[in-house]
């Protein structure tokens, strides 16, 4: 099994989910604040997710402060914003083999937990 989790160490929701999931030593962990997402990584996530929009968090504080809520964003815009500002990545993003789990919905977390077993 290959598994990677993109998370934010300062995010209490990510901390709660990681505590619940209990990723093993074989899971690669990447704190996106200290180790920014690379263009190749975001492109891999998009390939699995189907779109950059699926990876984009509209609840990020900067979404409104940058006026993005008043714009029509393209896939290129979503990608650019996630690469520029780590808080725009919907967290956590868990990739297990070739499946991607995005965000913190209970259903999603449960599915990721199953995949990691």
N, C-alpha and C. Protein backbone atom coordinates (compact mmCIF):
# COMPACT_ATOMS: atom_id res chain seq x y z
N UNK A 1 0.84 -1.19 0.00
CA UNK A 1 0.00 0.00 0.00
C UNK A 1 0.88 1.25 0.00
N UNK A 2 0.52 2.20 -0.84
CA UNK A 2 1.17 3.50 -0.78
C UNK A 2 0.13 4.49 -0.29
N UNK A 3 0.54 5.30 0.68
CA UNK A 3 -0.40 6.26 1.25
C UNK A 3 0.33 7.55 1.61
N UNK A 4 -0.37 8.66 1.36
CA UNK A 4 0.19 9.97 1.68
C UNK A 4 -0.93 10.84 2.21
N UNK A 5 -0.62 11.61 3.24
CA UNK A 5 -1.61 12.54 3.79
C UNK A 5 -1.03 13.95 3.78
N UNK A 6 -1.77 14.85 3.14
CA UNK A 6 -1.44 16.27 3.15
C UNK A 6 -2.31 16.90 4.23
N UNK A 7 -1.68 17.55 5.19
CA UNK A 7 -2.44 18.10 6.31
C UNK A 7 -1.79 19.40 6.77
N UNK A 8 -2.41 20.04 7.75
CA UNK A 8 -1.88 21.26 8.32
C UNK A 8 -1.74 21.03 9.82
N UNK A 9 -0.51 21.11 10.32
CA UNK A 9 -0.25 20.80 11.73
C UNK A 9 -0.94 21.77 12.68
N UNK A 10 -1.22 22.99 12.21
CA UNK A 10 -1.86 23.98 13.07
C UNK A 10 -3.39 23.91 13.01
N UNK A 11 -3.92 22.96 12.27
CA UNK A 11 -5.38 22.83 12.10
C UNK A 11 -5.93 21.80 13.09
N UNK A 12 -6.81 22.23 13.96
CA UNK A 12 -7.36 21.32 14.98
C UNK A 12 -8.19 20.21 14.36
N UNK A 13 -8.87 20.50 13.24
CA UNK A 13 -9.66 19.47 12.57
C UNK A 13 -8.75 18.39 12.00
N UNK A 14 -7.63 18.80 11.38
CA UNK A 14 -6.67 17.82 10.86
C UNK A 14 -6.12 16.96 12.00
N UNK A 15 -5.79 17.60 13.12
CA UNK A 15 -5.24 16.88 14.28
C UNK A 15 -6.24 15.84 14.77
N UNK A 16 -7.52 16.24 14.86
CA UNK A 16 -8.56 15.31 15.32
C UNK A 16 -8.70 14.12 14.37
N UNK A 17 -8.70 14.40 13.07
CA UNK A 17 -8.84 13.34 12.07
C UNK A 17 -7.64 12.40 12.10
N UNK A 18 -6.43 12.95 12.19
CA UNK A 18 -5.23 12.11 12.23
C UNK A 18 -5.23 11.22 13.47
N UNK A 19 -5.71 11.77 14.58
CA UNK A 19 -5.79 10.99 15.81
C UNK A 19 -6.78 9.83 15.63
N UNK A 20 -7.87 10.10 14.93
CA UNK A 20 -8.89 9.08 14.68
C UNK A 20 -8.41 8.02 13.69
N UNK A 21 -7.75 8.46 12.63
CA UNK A 21 -7.29 7.55 11.58
C UNK A 21 -6.09 6.71 12.03
N UNK A 22 -5.24 7.30 12.87
CA UNK A 22 -4.00 6.65 13.32
C UNK A 22 -3.18 6.12 12.15
N UNK A 23 -2.66 7.02 11.29
CA UNK A 23 -1.87 6.55 10.16
C UNK A 23 -0.62 5.83 10.65
N UNK A 24 -0.30 4.72 10.00
CA UNK A 24 0.86 3.94 10.39
C UNK A 24 2.16 4.58 9.94
N UNK A 25 3.25 3.95 10.31
CA UNK A 25 4.59 4.46 9.97
C UNK A 25 4.84 4.46 8.46
N UNK A 26 4.08 3.64 7.73
CA UNK A 26 4.28 3.55 6.28
C UNK A 26 3.56 4.66 5.51
N UNK A 27 2.79 5.49 6.21
CA UNK A 27 2.07 6.59 5.56
C UNK A 27 2.96 7.82 5.53
N UNK A 28 3.14 8.39 4.34
CA UNK A 28 3.95 9.60 4.19
C UNK A 28 3.08 10.80 4.61
N UNK A 29 3.59 11.58 5.54
CA UNK A 29 2.85 12.75 6.04
C UNK A 29 3.52 14.02 5.51
N UNK A 30 2.71 14.95 5.02
CA UNK A 30 3.26 16.22 4.55
C UNK A 30 2.47 17.37 5.14
N UNK A 31 3.14 18.11 6.03
CA UNK A 31 2.54 19.32 6.60
C UNK A 31 2.69 20.42 5.56
N UNK A 32 1.56 20.83 4.97
CA UNK A 32 1.61 21.75 3.83
C UNK A 32 2.07 23.17 4.20
N UNK A 33 2.15 23.45 5.51
CA UNK A 33 2.64 24.77 5.91
C UNK A 33 4.17 24.79 5.88
N UNK A 34 4.80 23.72 6.32
CA UNK A 34 6.27 23.68 6.37
C UNK A 34 6.87 23.07 5.10
N UNK A 35 6.07 22.29 4.38
CA UNK A 35 6.53 21.68 3.12
C UNK A 35 5.47 21.93 2.06
N UNK A 36 5.56 23.09 1.39
CA UNK A 36 4.52 23.48 0.43
C UNK A 36 4.26 22.43 -0.66
N UNK A 37 3.04 22.44 -1.14
CA UNK A 37 2.62 21.55 -2.21
C UNK A 37 3.34 21.96 -3.48
N UNK A 38 3.83 21.00 -4.22
CA UNK A 38 4.50 21.29 -5.50
C UNK A 38 3.48 21.23 -6.64
N UNK A 39 3.80 21.87 -7.77
CA UNK A 39 2.91 21.77 -8.92
C UNK A 39 2.64 20.31 -9.31
N UNK A 40 3.66 19.46 -9.24
CA UNK A 40 3.47 18.05 -9.59
C UNK A 40 2.49 17.37 -8.63
N UNK A 41 2.58 17.70 -7.34
CA UNK A 41 1.67 17.10 -6.35
C UNK A 41 0.23 17.54 -6.58
N UNK A 42 0.02 18.83 -6.84
CA UNK A 42 -1.35 19.31 -7.05
C UNK A 42 -1.92 18.71 -8.34
N UNK A 43 -1.06 18.50 -9.34
CA UNK A 43 -1.52 17.91 -10.59
C UNK A 43 -1.90 16.43 -10.39
N UNK A 44 -1.13 15.73 -9.54
CA UNK A 44 -1.46 14.34 -9.23
C UNK A 44 -2.81 14.27 -8.49
N UNK A 45 -2.99 15.18 -7.53
CA UNK A 45 -4.26 15.22 -6.78
C UNK A 45 -5.42 15.48 -7.72
N UNK A 46 -5.23 16.41 -8.67
CA UNK A 46 -6.29 16.76 -9.62
C UNK A 46 -6.66 15.57 -10.48
N UNK A 47 -5.63 14.81 -10.90
CA UNK A 47 -5.88 13.64 -11.74
C UNK A 47 -6.79 12.65 -11.00
N UNK A 48 -6.56 12.49 -9.70
CA UNK A 48 -7.36 11.56 -8.90
C UNK A 48 -8.73 12.14 -8.54
N UNK A 49 -8.77 13.46 -8.32
CA UNK A 49 -10.00 14.11 -7.87
C UNK A 49 -10.93 14.51 -9.02
N UNK A 50 -10.35 14.67 -10.22
CA UNK A 50 -11.16 15.06 -11.36
C UNK A 50 -11.12 16.55 -11.67
N UNK A 51 -10.82 17.37 -10.65
CA UNK A 51 -10.74 18.82 -10.90
C UNK A 51 -9.96 19.49 -9.76
N UNK A 52 -9.45 20.68 -10.06
CA UNK A 52 -8.79 21.47 -9.01
C UNK A 52 -9.85 22.03 -8.06
N UNK A 53 -11.02 22.30 -8.60
CA UNK A 53 -12.11 22.85 -7.78
C UNK A 53 -12.45 21.91 -6.62
N UNK A 54 -12.39 20.60 -6.87
CA UNK A 54 -12.70 19.62 -5.82
C UNK A 54 -11.71 19.71 -4.66
N UNK A 55 -10.52 20.24 -4.92
CA UNK A 55 -9.47 20.36 -3.90
C UNK A 55 -9.49 21.72 -3.20
N UNK A 56 -10.32 22.62 -3.70
CA UNK A 56 -10.30 24.02 -3.25
C UNK A 56 -11.25 24.25 -2.08
N UNK A 57 -10.74 24.93 -1.06
CA UNK A 57 -11.56 25.23 0.11
C UNK A 57 -12.13 26.64 0.04
N UNK A 58 -13.44 26.71 -0.01
CA UNK A 58 -14.10 28.03 -0.02
C UNK A 58 -14.26 28.60 1.39
N UNK A 59 -13.94 27.80 2.41
CA UNK A 59 -14.07 28.31 3.79
C UNK A 59 -12.76 28.93 4.29
N UNK A 60 -11.73 28.89 3.46
CA UNK A 60 -10.46 29.53 3.84
C UNK A 60 -10.71 31.02 4.05
N UNK A 61 -10.11 31.58 5.10
CA UNK A 61 -10.31 32.99 5.42
C UNK A 61 -9.97 33.91 4.26
N UNK A 62 -8.95 33.57 3.51
CA UNK A 62 -8.50 34.44 2.42
C UNK A 62 -9.42 34.39 1.19
N UNK A 63 -10.35 33.45 1.17
CA UNK A 63 -11.29 33.34 0.04
C UNK A 63 -12.06 34.65 -0.12
N UNK A 64 -12.58 35.15 1.00
CA UNK A 64 -13.34 36.41 0.96
C UNK A 64 -12.40 37.62 0.94
N UNK A 65 -11.33 37.59 1.75
CA UNK A 65 -10.45 38.76 1.84
C UNK A 65 -9.77 39.07 0.50
N UNK A 66 -9.56 38.05 -0.32
CA UNK A 66 -8.97 38.27 -1.65
C UNK A 66 -10.05 38.58 -2.70
N UNK A 67 -11.32 38.55 -2.28
CA UNK A 67 -12.41 38.85 -3.19
C UNK A 67 -12.74 37.71 -4.16
N UNK A 68 -12.22 36.52 -3.87
CA UNK A 68 -12.44 35.38 -4.78
C UNK A 68 -13.91 34.96 -4.80
N UNK A 69 -14.62 35.24 -3.69
CA UNK A 69 -16.04 34.89 -3.62
C UNK A 69 -16.89 35.69 -4.61
N UNK A 70 -16.34 36.76 -5.14
CA UNK A 70 -17.06 37.60 -6.10
C UNK A 70 -16.64 37.30 -7.55
N UNK A 71 -15.73 36.33 -7.71
CA UNK A 71 -15.21 36.03 -9.04
C UNK A 71 -15.68 34.66 -9.51
N UNK A 72 -15.68 34.49 -10.82
CA UNK A 72 -15.91 33.17 -11.39
C UNK A 72 -14.54 32.58 -11.64
N UNK A 73 -14.21 31.54 -10.89
CA UNK A 73 -12.86 30.98 -10.98
C UNK A 73 -12.80 29.83 -11.98
N UNK A 74 -11.71 29.79 -12.73
CA UNK A 74 -11.48 28.69 -13.68
C UNK A 74 -10.62 27.64 -12.99
N UNK A 75 -10.45 26.50 -13.62
CA UNK A 75 -9.58 25.45 -13.09
C UNK A 75 -8.17 26.00 -12.87
N UNK A 76 -7.71 26.83 -13.83
CA UNK A 76 -6.38 27.44 -13.72
C UNK A 76 -6.29 28.32 -12.47
N UNK A 77 -7.37 29.06 -12.19
CA UNK A 77 -7.42 29.92 -11.00
C UNK A 77 -7.35 29.10 -9.72
N UNK A 78 -8.12 28.01 -9.68
CA UNK A 78 -8.11 27.15 -8.48
C UNK A 78 -6.70 26.63 -8.23
N UNK A 79 -6.06 26.13 -9.29
CA UNK A 79 -4.71 25.58 -9.16
C UNK A 79 -3.73 26.64 -8.66
N UNK A 80 -3.75 27.81 -9.30
CA UNK A 80 -2.84 28.91 -8.95
C UNK A 80 -3.03 29.32 -7.49
N UNK A 81 -4.28 29.45 -7.07
CA UNK A 81 -4.55 29.88 -5.69
C UNK A 81 -4.10 28.85 -4.66
N UNK A 82 -4.30 27.57 -4.94
CA UNK A 82 -3.87 26.52 -4.00
C UNK A 82 -2.34 26.53 -3.90
N UNK A 83 -1.66 26.70 -5.02
CA UNK A 83 -0.19 26.72 -4.99
C UNK A 83 0.35 27.97 -4.29
N UNK A 84 -0.36 29.09 -4.41
CA UNK A 84 0.08 30.34 -3.79
C UNK A 84 -0.21 30.37 -2.30
N UNK A 85 -1.32 29.78 -1.89
CA UNK A 85 -1.79 29.90 -0.51
C UNK A 85 -2.26 28.54 0.00
N UNK A 86 -1.47 27.93 0.87
CA UNK A 86 -1.76 26.57 1.34
C UNK A 86 -3.13 26.41 2.00
N UNK A 87 -3.68 27.48 2.57
CA UNK A 87 -4.97 27.34 3.24
C UNK A 87 -6.12 27.09 2.26
N UNK A 88 -5.86 27.28 0.96
CA UNK A 88 -6.91 27.00 -0.03
C UNK A 88 -7.06 25.52 -0.34
N UNK A 89 -6.15 24.69 0.16
CA UNK A 89 -6.31 23.24 -0.05
C UNK A 89 -7.31 22.72 0.97
N UNK A 90 -8.34 22.05 0.47
CA UNK A 90 -9.33 21.43 1.36
C UNK A 90 -8.61 20.31 2.10
N UNK A 91 -8.63 20.36 3.43
CA UNK A 91 -7.81 19.43 4.21
C UNK A 91 -8.64 18.49 5.06
N UNK A 92 -8.02 17.38 5.43
CA UNK A 92 -6.80 16.82 4.86
C UNK A 92 -7.07 16.17 3.51
N UNK A 93 -6.01 15.99 2.73
CA UNK A 93 -6.10 15.22 1.48
C UNK A 93 -5.34 13.92 1.75
N UNK A 94 -6.04 12.81 1.60
CA UNK A 94 -5.43 11.51 1.85
C UNK A 94 -5.47 10.72 0.55
N UNK A 95 -4.30 10.24 0.14
CA UNK A 95 -4.21 9.42 -1.06
C UNK A 95 -3.77 8.03 -0.63
N UNK A 96 -4.60 7.04 -0.90
CA UNK A 96 -4.29 5.66 -0.57
C UNK A 96 -4.34 4.87 -1.88
N UNK A 97 -3.19 4.33 -2.26
CA UNK A 97 -3.03 3.68 -3.56
C UNK A 97 -3.47 4.66 -4.64
N UNK A 98 -4.56 4.39 -5.35
CA UNK A 98 -4.99 5.33 -6.39
C UNK A 98 -6.32 5.99 -6.05
N UNK A 99 -6.67 6.01 -4.76
CA UNK A 99 -7.92 6.65 -4.32
C UNK A 99 -7.58 7.91 -3.53
N UNK A 100 -8.40 8.94 -3.73
CA UNK A 100 -8.18 10.20 -3.03
C UNK A 100 -9.38 10.50 -2.13
N UNK A 101 -9.08 11.01 -0.95
CA UNK A 101 -10.10 11.39 0.03
C UNK A 101 -9.81 12.83 0.40
N UNK A 102 -10.78 13.71 0.12
CA UNK A 102 -10.56 15.15 0.29
C UNK A 102 -11.50 15.70 1.35
N UNK A 103 -10.93 16.40 2.33
CA UNK A 103 -11.75 17.10 3.30
C UNK A 103 -12.08 16.29 4.54
N UNK A 104 -12.94 16.87 5.36
CA UNK A 104 -13.15 16.33 6.69
C UNK A 104 -14.56 15.82 6.97
N UNK A 105 -15.33 15.53 5.92
CA UNK A 105 -16.68 15.02 6.18
C UNK A 105 -16.55 13.64 6.84
N UNK A 106 -17.43 13.32 7.81
CA UNK A 106 -17.34 12.03 8.50
C UNK A 106 -17.33 10.84 7.55
N UNK A 107 -18.12 10.90 6.47
CA UNK A 107 -18.20 9.81 5.50
C UNK A 107 -16.84 9.62 4.81
N UNK A 108 -16.22 10.73 4.46
CA UNK A 108 -14.92 10.73 3.79
C UNK A 108 -13.82 10.18 4.71
N UNK A 109 -13.83 10.63 5.97
CA UNK A 109 -12.84 10.18 6.94
C UNK A 109 -12.98 8.67 7.17
N UNK A 110 -14.19 8.22 7.26
CA UNK A 110 -14.46 6.78 7.45
C UNK A 110 -13.95 5.97 6.26
N UNK A 111 -14.20 6.46 5.06
CA UNK A 111 -13.74 5.79 3.84
C UNK A 111 -12.21 5.74 3.79
N UNK A 112 -11.56 6.80 4.20
CA UNK A 112 -10.09 6.86 4.23
C UNK A 112 -9.55 5.86 5.26
N UNK A 113 -10.22 5.80 6.40
CA UNK A 113 -9.83 4.87 7.47
C UNK A 113 -9.89 3.42 6.95
N UNK A 114 -10.98 3.10 6.25
CA UNK A 114 -11.15 1.78 5.66
C UNK A 114 -10.02 1.47 4.69
N UNK A 115 -9.72 2.43 3.81
CA UNK A 115 -8.69 2.25 2.79
C UNK A 115 -7.31 2.04 3.42
N UNK A 116 -7.07 2.66 4.56
CA UNK A 116 -5.77 2.55 5.22
C UNK A 116 -5.60 1.24 5.98
N UNK A 117 -6.68 0.52 6.23
CA UNK A 117 -6.58 -0.73 7.00
C UNK A 117 -5.91 -1.83 6.23
